Protein backbone atom coordinates (compact mmCIF):
# COMPACT_ATOMS: atom_id res chain seq x y z
CA MET A 1 -3.63 16.80 29.19
CA LYS A 2 -0.10 15.40 28.74
CA ARG A 3 0.74 14.16 25.30
CA ARG A 4 2.68 10.88 25.39
CA LEU A 5 4.22 8.98 22.57
CA SER A 6 5.72 5.54 23.14
CA LEU A 7 7.51 3.25 20.82
CA LEU A 8 5.41 0.23 20.12
CA MET A 9 7.21 -2.12 17.84
CA ILE A 10 9.49 -2.80 14.98
CA PHE A 11 8.47 -4.70 11.96
CA ALA A 12 10.32 -4.16 8.67
CA ALA A 13 9.37 -5.63 5.36
CA THR A 14 13.05 -5.61 4.30
CA VAL A 15 15.12 -5.67 7.42
CA PHE A 16 14.33 -5.77 11.20
CA MET A 17 16.78 -3.91 13.39
CA SER A 18 16.89 -2.92 17.04
CA CYS A 19 15.67 0.61 17.81
CA GLY A 20 17.82 1.49 20.71
CA LYS A 21 19.71 4.77 20.35
CA GLU A 22 18.74 5.24 16.67
CA SER A 23 14.99 5.46 17.49
CA GLU A 24 15.68 7.77 20.45
CA GLU A 25 17.62 10.12 18.06
CA LEU A 26 14.73 10.16 15.61
CA LEU A 27 12.08 10.95 18.23
CA ASP A 28 14.23 13.33 20.22
CA THR A 29 14.13 15.73 17.25
CA ASN A 30 10.48 16.47 18.37
CA ALA A 31 11.25 16.89 22.04
CA GLU A 32 10.73 20.66 21.97
CA SER A 33 7.17 20.25 20.74
CA THR A 34 6.30 17.26 22.91
CA GLU A 35 6.02 17.34 26.73
CA THR A 36 6.81 13.68 27.24
CA ILE A 37 8.18 10.97 24.92
CA ASP A 38 8.40 7.48 26.30
CA VAL A 39 10.70 5.24 24.26
CA SER A 40 10.67 1.53 25.06
CA GLU A 41 14.07 0.04 25.52
CA GLU A 42 13.44 -3.52 24.43
CA GLU A 43 12.14 -4.48 21.05
CA ASP A 44 11.84 -7.65 19.04
CA THR A 45 14.51 -7.76 16.28
CA GLN A 46 15.10 -9.81 13.22
CA GLU A 47 17.69 -9.28 10.54
CA GLU A 48 17.73 -10.16 6.90
CA VAL A 49 20.73 -10.04 4.55
CA LEU A 50 20.35 -7.52 1.66
CA ASP A 51 22.31 -6.54 -1.30
CA GLN A 52 25.11 -4.31 0.25
CA SER A 53 24.46 -1.56 -2.26
CA ALA A 54 20.86 -1.17 -1.26
CA PRO A 55 19.85 0.74 1.87
CA THR A 56 18.71 -1.26 4.89
CA TYR A 57 15.87 0.10 6.90
CA ALA A 58 13.58 -0.45 9.86
CA ILE A 59 9.96 0.67 10.33
CA THR A 60 9.08 1.76 13.83
CA SER A 61 5.74 2.83 15.26
CA VAL A 62 4.80 5.50 17.74
CA GLU A 63 1.36 5.77 19.34
CA ALA A 64 -0.54 8.50 21.17
CA GLU A 65 -1.43 7.45 24.70
CA GLY A 66 -3.47 8.83 27.56
CA TYR A 67 -6.39 10.31 25.53
CA ASP A 68 -10.01 9.58 26.29
CA TYR A 69 -11.48 9.97 22.84
CA PHE A 70 -8.52 9.74 20.46
CA THR A 71 -6.35 6.96 19.18
CA GLY A 72 -3.57 7.35 16.64
CA SER A 73 -0.25 6.11 15.62
CA VAL A 74 2.58 6.93 13.15
CA GLN A 75 4.90 4.47 11.44
CA CYS A 76 8.35 5.90 10.74
CA ILE A 77 11.25 4.68 8.59
CA GLN A 78 14.79 4.58 9.77
CA ILE A 79 17.78 3.89 7.48
CA THR A 80 19.96 1.48 9.46
CA ASP A 81 23.20 1.20 7.53
CA ASP A 82 26.21 3.59 7.46
CA GLU A 83 26.60 3.79 3.71
CA HIS A 84 23.46 5.98 3.01
CA ALA A 85 24.02 8.91 5.41
CA ALA A 86 22.39 11.53 3.17
CA LEU A 87 19.24 9.31 2.68
CA ALA A 88 19.13 8.65 6.47
CA GLU A 89 19.18 12.34 7.23
CA ALA A 90 16.43 13.16 4.65
CA ILE A 91 14.20 10.33 5.95
CA ASP A 92 14.84 11.32 9.57
CA ASN A 93 13.86 14.95 8.79
CA GLN A 94 10.67 13.91 6.99
CA PHE A 95 9.43 11.63 9.80
CA SER A 96 10.45 14.10 12.55
CA GLU A 97 8.35 16.71 10.86
CA LEU A 98 5.49 14.27 10.51
CA VAL A 99 5.53 13.29 14.20
CA THR A 100 5.67 16.97 15.21
CA ASP A 101 2.62 17.84 13.06
CA PHE A 102 0.84 14.72 14.34
CA ASN A 103 1.40 15.87 17.94
CA LYS A 104 0.04 19.40 17.22
CA GLY A 105 -3.41 18.05 16.23
CA ILE A 106 -3.93 15.46 18.89
CA ASP A 107 -5.32 17.67 21.71
CA ASP A 108 -7.79 19.43 19.37
CA MET A 109 -9.09 16.19 17.93
CA ASN A 110 -9.47 14.76 21.39
CA SER A 111 -11.36 17.86 22.59
CA GLU A 112 -13.68 17.84 19.60
CA ALA A 113 -14.50 14.20 20.08
CA GLU A 114 -15.09 14.76 23.76
CA GLN A 115 -17.55 17.51 22.95
CA LEU A 116 -19.28 15.33 20.34
CA ASN A 117 -19.67 12.56 22.82
CA SER A 118 -21.09 14.84 25.48
CA GLU A 119 -23.78 16.03 22.99
CA TYR A 120 -24.63 12.46 21.81
CA LYS A 121 -24.92 11.33 25.50
CA LYS A 122 -27.26 14.18 26.27
CA TYR A 123 -29.49 13.27 23.24
CA ALA A 124 -29.59 9.65 24.39
CA GLU A 125 -30.68 10.60 27.88
CA GLU A 126 -33.47 12.75 26.51
CA ASP A 127 -34.65 10.20 23.95
CA SER A 128 -34.91 6.52 24.85
CA ASP A 129 -34.90 5.60 21.13
CA ILE A 130 -31.37 6.84 20.80
CA THR A 131 -28.54 4.46 21.85
CA TYR A 132 -25.32 6.19 22.97
CA ASN A 133 -22.06 4.66 21.91
CA GLU A 134 -18.76 6.37 22.54
CA ILE A 135 -17.06 7.75 19.42
CA TYR A 136 -13.30 7.87 19.09
CA TYR A 137 -11.49 10.04 16.68
CA SER A 138 -8.42 8.50 15.11
CA ASP A 139 -5.53 9.33 12.88
CA ASP A 140 -3.14 6.56 11.76
CA TYR A 141 -0.13 6.61 9.41
CA SER A 142 1.38 3.40 8.01
CA ILE A 143 4.20 2.75 5.59
CA GLU A 144 4.90 0.35 2.79
CA VAL A 145 8.33 0.31 1.10
CA VAL A 146 7.78 -0.45 -2.60
CA ARG A 147 11.30 -0.27 -3.96
CA CYS A 148 14.70 -0.35 -2.31
CA ASP A 149 17.77 -0.79 -4.39
CA SER A 150 21.14 0.92 -5.10
CA THR A 151 19.53 3.96 -6.78
CA VAL A 152 16.00 4.34 -5.54
CA PHE A 153 14.30 4.23 -2.12
CA SER A 154 10.55 4.62 -2.60
CA PHE A 155 7.63 4.18 -0.21
CA VAL A 156 3.92 4.74 0.18
CA MET A 157 2.41 6.46 3.22
CA TYR A 158 -1.20 5.62 4.07
CA GLU A 159 -3.19 7.98 6.31
CA TYR A 160 -6.57 6.76 7.69
CA ILE A 161 -8.45 9.45 9.61
CA TYR A 162 -11.82 9.11 11.30
CA MET A 163 -13.75 12.09 12.77
CA GLY A 164 -17.31 10.66 13.19
CA GLY A 165 -19.78 9.71 10.49
CA ALA A 166 -20.30 6.54 8.59
CA HIS A 167 -16.68 5.93 7.81
CA GLY A 168 -13.29 7.42 7.80
CA SER A 169 -11.21 8.49 4.91
CA THR A 170 -7.86 7.17 3.56
CA GLN A 171 -5.17 9.03 1.62
CA GLU A 172 -2.09 7.60 -0.06
CA MET A 173 1.07 9.60 -0.59
CA GLY A 174 4.08 8.50 -2.58
CA PHE A 175 7.76 9.38 -1.84
CA THR A 176 10.66 8.52 -3.98
CA TYR A 177 14.26 9.34 -2.88
CA ASP A 178 17.64 9.02 -4.58
CA ALA A 179 19.19 6.33 -2.44
CA ASN A 180 22.68 7.84 -2.67
CA THR A 181 22.07 11.60 -2.49
CA GLY A 182 18.97 11.66 -0.31
CA GLU A 183 17.22 13.94 -2.82
CA LEU A 184 13.46 13.73 -2.95
CA LEU A 185 12.89 13.02 -6.64
CA GLU A 186 10.41 14.93 -8.88
CA LEU A 187 9.00 13.87 -12.22
CA SER A 188 11.57 16.08 -13.88
CA SER A 189 14.26 13.87 -12.33
CA PHE A 190 13.18 11.05 -14.65
CA GLY A 191 13.15 12.92 -18.01
CA ASP A 192 11.25 15.64 -19.69
CA GLU A 193 8.34 16.31 -17.31
CA GLN A 194 5.83 17.37 -19.93
CA THR A 195 6.55 14.18 -21.99
CA ILE A 196 6.15 12.02 -18.90
CA LYS A 197 2.83 13.63 -18.06
CA GLU A 198 1.35 13.35 -21.54
CA THR A 199 2.54 9.73 -21.80
CA ALA A 200 1.08 8.88 -18.45
CA ALA A 201 -2.28 10.54 -19.02
CA ASN A 202 -2.74 8.82 -22.38
CA PHE A 203 -1.49 5.43 -21.06
CA ILE A 204 -3.92 5.49 -18.09
CA ILE A 205 -6.93 6.31 -20.23
CA ASP A 206 -6.00 3.73 -22.86
CA THR A 207 -5.57 1.17 -20.11
CA ILE A 208 -9.02 1.90 -18.68
CA ASN A 209 -10.63 1.76 -22.11
CA GLU A 210 -8.99 -1.67 -22.74
CA SER A 211 -10.24 -3.00 -19.34
CA SER A 212 -13.44 -4.91 -18.88
CA GLN A 213 -16.82 -3.15 -18.60
CA GLN A 214 -17.02 -4.39 -15.02
CA ALA A 215 -13.99 -2.43 -14.06
CA LYS A 216 -14.99 0.66 -16.06
CA ASP A 217 -18.39 0.70 -14.34
CA MET A 218 -16.63 1.48 -11.07
CA LEU A 219 -15.58 4.93 -12.37
CA PHE A 220 -17.48 8.16 -12.48
CA PRO A 221 -19.24 8.71 -15.85
CA GLU A 222 -19.39 12.13 -17.49
CA ASP A 223 -22.81 13.57 -16.59
CA ASP A 224 -24.49 16.52 -14.93
CA ILE A 225 -22.87 15.65 -11.56
CA THR A 226 -19.37 14.65 -12.41
CA ASP A 227 -16.84 15.54 -15.07
CA GLY A 228 -16.07 11.87 -15.72
CA TYR A 229 -12.91 9.97 -15.20
CA GLU A 230 -11.29 10.96 -18.54
CA THR A 231 -11.57 14.69 -17.91
CA THR A 232 -10.36 14.35 -14.31
CA ILE A 233 -7.37 12.24 -15.39
CA MET A 234 -6.31 14.60 -18.14
CA GLU A 235 -6.67 17.64 -15.81
CA SER A 236 -4.65 15.98 -13.11
CA PHE A 237 -1.51 16.22 -15.31
CA GLU A 238 -2.10 19.84 -16.50
CA GLY A 239 0.21 22.70 -15.65
CA ASP A 240 2.32 22.13 -12.50
CA SER A 241 0.03 19.45 -11.15
CA ALA A 242 0.31 15.73 -11.13
CA PRO A 243 -1.24 12.94 -9.06
CA GLU A 244 0.62 11.42 -6.15
CA TYR A 245 3.12 8.89 -7.47
CA TYR A 246 6.04 6.66 -6.65
CA LEU A 247 8.55 4.54 -8.50
CA ASP A 248 8.37 0.79 -8.20
CA ASN A 249 9.96 -2.14 -10.00
CA ARG A 250 7.65 -1.93 -12.96
CA GLY A 251 7.23 1.87 -13.59
CA ILE A 252 5.82 5.01 -12.22
CA THR A 253 2.63 4.35 -10.23
CA PHE A 254 0.14 7.22 -10.05
CA LEU A 255 -2.53 7.37 -7.32
CA TYR A 256 -6.08 8.61 -7.62
CA GLN A 257 -7.58 9.33 -4.17
CA GLN A 258 -11.05 8.41 -2.89
CA TYR A 259 -13.82 10.27 -4.76
CA SER A 260 -11.43 11.60 -7.44
CA ILE A 261 -12.39 9.27 -10.29
CA ALA A 262 -14.70 6.80 -8.53
CA PRO A 263 -17.00 6.47 -5.57
CA TYR A 264 -15.76 5.86 -2.07
CA ALA A 265 -16.41 2.08 -2.36
CA ALA A 266 -13.86 1.77 -5.13
CA GLY A 267 -11.08 3.05 -2.77
CA ILE A 268 -7.85 4.56 -3.99
CA ILE A 269 -7.14 3.54 -7.58
CA ASN A 270 -3.60 3.30 -8.96
CA PHE A 271 -2.12 2.79 -12.47
CA THR A 272 1.43 1.84 -13.17
CA VAL A 273 2.95 3.35 -16.34
CA PRO A 274 5.71 0.90 -17.31
CA TYR A 275 9.27 2.12 -17.83
CA GLU A 276 9.11 0.72 -21.31
CA GLU A 277 6.35 3.23 -22.15
CA LEU A 278 8.33 6.23 -20.98
CA GLU A 279 10.48 7.57 -23.82
CA GLY A 280 13.71 9.11 -22.62
CA PHE A 281 13.33 7.91 -19.04
CA ASN A 282 16.53 8.53 -17.05
CA GLU A 283 18.31 5.19 -17.09
CA GLU A 284 19.99 6.01 -13.78
CA TYR A 285 16.68 5.25 -12.07
CA LEU A 286 15.81 2.05 -13.88
CA PRO A 287 15.41 -0.87 -11.50
CA GLU A 288 17.88 -3.79 -11.12
CA ASP A 289 16.48 -7.04 -12.43
CA GLY A 290 15.64 -9.28 -9.48
CA PHE A 291 12.96 -10.52 -7.19
CA TYR A 292 9.87 -8.23 -6.67
CA THR A 293 6.18 -8.49 -6.21
CA SER A 294 3.42 -6.28 -7.57
CA THR A 295 -0.28 -6.30 -6.58
CA LEU A 296 -2.80 -6.65 -9.36
CA SER A 297 -5.72 -4.21 -9.52
CA ALA A 298 -8.43 -5.06 -7.06
CA LEU A 299 -10.99 -3.63 -9.42
CA GLY A 300 -9.85 -5.67 -12.37
CA PHE A 301 -8.07 -2.97 -14.41
CA ILE A 302 -5.46 -4.26 -16.87
CA GLU A 303 -1.83 -4.28 -15.87
CA LYS A 304 0.77 -4.09 -18.65
CA ILE A 305 3.60 -6.50 -17.83
CA ASP A 306 6.44 -8.11 -19.73
CA ILE A 307 5.21 -11.48 -18.61
CA ASN A 308 7.46 -13.55 -21.02
CA ASN A 309 10.60 -11.45 -20.55
CA ASP A 310 10.70 -10.81 -24.27
CA GLY A 311 10.41 -7.00 -24.13
CA ALA A 312 6.66 -7.01 -25.09
CA LEU A 313 4.00 -5.90 -22.61
CA GLU A 314 1.05 -8.24 -22.12
CA ASN A 315 -2.38 -7.57 -20.59
CA VAL A 316 -2.71 -9.13 -17.15
CA TYR A 317 -5.73 -8.81 -14.82
CA LEU A 318 -7.84 -10.64 -12.32
CA GLN A 319 -11.63 -10.43 -12.52
CA THR A 320 -13.74 -11.48 -9.57
CA GLY A 321 -17.40 -11.72 -8.69
CA ASP A 322 -20.21 -13.74 -7.30
CA VAL A 323 -21.76 -16.58 -9.27
CA GLU A 324 -25.34 -15.29 -9.60
CA GLU A 325 -27.03 -18.37 -11.02
CA SER A 326 -25.90 -20.57 -8.15
CA ASP A 327 -28.36 -21.69 -5.47
CA VAL A 328 -25.56 -21.29 -2.86
CA VAL A 329 -23.10 -18.42 -2.36
CA GLN A 330 -20.12 -18.94 -4.70
CA THR A 331 -17.28 -16.63 -5.72
CA GLU A 332 -15.46 -16.88 -8.96
CA TYR A 333 -12.23 -15.45 -10.24
CA ILE A 334 -10.85 -15.38 -13.87
CA LEU A 335 -7.13 -14.72 -14.31
CA TYR A 336 -6.18 -13.33 -17.75
CA VAL A 337 -2.57 -13.42 -19.02
CA GLY A 338 -2.14 -12.29 -22.57
CA ASP A 339 -4.38 -14.42 -24.79
CA GLU A 340 -4.97 -17.09 -22.11
CA SER A 341 -7.17 -17.31 -19.05
CA VAL A 342 -7.97 -19.67 -16.15
CA SER A 343 -10.99 -19.63 -13.82
CA ASN A 344 -11.86 -21.08 -10.44
CA THR A 345 -15.00 -21.10 -8.30
CA ILE A 346 -15.08 -21.49 -4.59
CA GLU A 347 -17.89 -21.99 -2.10
CA GLY A 348 -19.00 -19.05 -0.03
CA TYR A 349 -17.69 -15.50 -0.13
CA SER A 350 -14.03 -14.63 -0.02
CA TYR A 351 -11.94 -11.59 -0.65
CA ILE A 352 -9.84 -12.46 -3.72
CA SER A 353 -6.63 -10.71 -4.63
CA GLY A 354 -3.75 -11.27 -7.09
CA THR A 355 -0.07 -10.68 -6.83
CA TYR A 356 2.47 -10.76 -9.68
CA ILE A 357 5.87 -12.30 -8.59
CA HIS A 358 9.02 -11.84 -10.66
CA ARG A 359 11.96 -14.15 -9.93
CA ASP A 360 15.11 -15.18 -11.64
CA ASP A 361 13.59 -18.58 -12.48
CA GLY A 362 10.32 -17.25 -13.92
CA ASN A 363 7.23 -15.13 -13.41
CA TYR A 364 4.30 -16.17 -11.25
CA ILE A 365 0.83 -14.94 -10.22
CA LEU A 366 -0.45 -15.82 -6.72
CA VAL A 367 -4.28 -15.77 -6.33
CA SER A 368 -5.39 -15.54 -2.63
CA CYS A 369 -8.95 -16.42 -1.66
CA GLU A 370 -8.70 -15.22 1.93
CA GLY A 371 -9.80 -17.82 4.47
CA VAL A 372 -10.20 -20.47 1.81
CA SER A 373 -7.15 -21.16 -0.37
CA VAL A 374 -4.04 -19.75 -2.08
CA THR A 375 -3.23 -20.90 -5.62
CA LEU A 376 0.04 -20.30 -7.44
CA TYR A 377 0.43 -20.04 -11.26
CA GLU A 378 3.60 -19.96 -13.35
CA VAL A 379 2.96 -17.51 -16.20
CA SER A 380 6.23 -17.09 -18.05
CA ASN A 381 5.06 -19.26 -20.96
CA GLY A 382 1.28 -19.65 -20.82
CA ILE A 383 -0.57 -20.31 -17.49
CA LYS A 384 0.49 -23.35 -15.52
CA GLU A 385 -1.09 -24.13 -12.10
CA LEU A 386 1.62 -25.17 -9.64
CA GLY A 387 -0.59 -26.01 -6.64
CA THR A 388 -3.15 -24.87 -4.12
CA ILE A 389 -2.82 -24.46 -0.32
CA GLU A 390 -6.05 -24.84 1.61
CA THR A 391 -5.98 -22.40 4.48
CA ASP A 392 -8.06 -20.41 7.01
CA GLY A 393 -5.58 -17.66 6.80
CA ALA A 394 -4.19 -15.13 4.32
CA VAL A 395 -0.89 -14.30 2.63
CA LYS A 396 1.19 -12.39 5.16
CA GLU A 397 4.42 -12.03 3.17
CA ILE A 398 5.85 -13.15 -0.17
CA LYS A 399 9.63 -13.75 -0.19
CA ASP A 400 11.91 -14.91 -2.94
CA GLY A 401 10.85 -18.56 -3.16
CA GLU A 402 8.70 -18.56 0.03
CA LEU A 403 5.04 -17.89 0.87
CA VAL A 404 4.25 -16.95 4.42
CA ILE A 405 0.60 -17.61 5.41
CA ALA A 406 -1.09 -16.82 8.71
CA GLU A 407 -4.52 -16.17 10.08
CA ARG A 408 -5.44 -12.47 10.05
CA VAL A 409 -7.58 -11.02 12.80
CA TYR A 410 -8.84 -7.38 13.00
CA ASP A 411 -9.50 -5.65 16.31
CA GLU A 412 -9.50 -2.10 17.67
CA ASN A 413 -5.73 -2.02 17.44
CA GLY A 414 -5.58 -3.03 13.82
CA VAL A 415 -4.42 -6.27 12.23
CA LYS A 416 -3.04 -9.16 14.28
CA TRP A 417 -1.46 -12.23 12.70
CA GLY A 418 -1.50 -15.79 13.99
CA GLU A 419 1.21 -18.39 13.89
CA PRO A 420 2.82 -18.23 10.43
CA GLU A 421 3.49 -21.20 8.16
CA THR A 422 5.98 -21.10 5.32
CA HIS A 423 5.72 -22.86 1.99
CA LYS A 424 8.58 -22.90 -0.48
CA PHE A 425 7.85 -22.48 -4.15
CA SER A 426 9.58 -22.60 -7.47
CA LYS A 427 8.60 -23.45 -11.10
CA ASN A 428 8.42 -27.05 -9.96
CA GLY A 429 5.52 -26.37 -7.53
CA ILE A 430 4.68 -25.55 -3.92
CA GLU A 431 6.24 -27.48 -1.06
């Protein structure tokens, strides 16, 4: 069966650029291992002005086509400016290799799924109590850029793979490049590696121990079946090993994959070790002070953030749950910032998430109750509610001074967004 990859779309979190010749060059590096590569010639584009010293980039997506029982796609990054040639070459090489490896596995996955469907269909024909539904294997890679400035280009790669069963599995991988040299940075690039590992391991365990019992209950205990989260975390930093990690604007974020320290339902758990905690950290890779966002733990683990810009780290976390004593379904969240807290209860069930926002005019936390409301708090000096937006949608994007909200719909092709609406915000409130 012919393998075909076609360029789907461009959507960049930082800058949207036309694919054109640049995308063809990226994909053509895989031409020897791919029978046919169809590259679309027309793409939607949008540009956004960035600091000239920071790389500009585009995220493209290629999809496998023409398979009966397999779906899959790979998002790729392209550096789109002329000032970061070494970084552009390193990124191109990484994603060229990824697309090549992706192609090599497609036919086998499709054949295996075809065989599985044949067997299931036969069982259904022999037993009227069995309902046959086609099974599709899938393998999808997506990208999120988490830091892009004059010294560091860092991103997370998410792989979701499904090969039958109750659910698929997700893996997160972190990559941090020197924006000027194109070097893929290691922990030793940031200081004494052993010191960083010891500091990180102790910080993560201390953070867990400080967190609420509700959060800690999500982790594996030490018993006859599991070693417990403390042992696993300490062992993850021993010898030459370390968890997946990346640099963002707050520190080094370490990733613990599904089933490593918690059950599947807990997902992938990450902990950010602030730069302030890392003695002797290479100042070359400290971030520039400016606008950035950081997602709060979905499980309610404490985040350590300099919320008042006074050099001291405060405990920040969002705790969510159902209101059990209510006769109707209600969902509650409690936002903790230092010694203060604020709570809110909404009717019905909603997925609740929190995002920390750092701007020149202050620090904020956005609490999103998907499909119900979005509430913004200013937290630089205590907790001050700035306003609530009632919405059927979700937060699509947070820009410097703007919230973009749209309806989010899931289908077999992933997430689709409805018509966006933009709300300006500052310490004076939401417009």
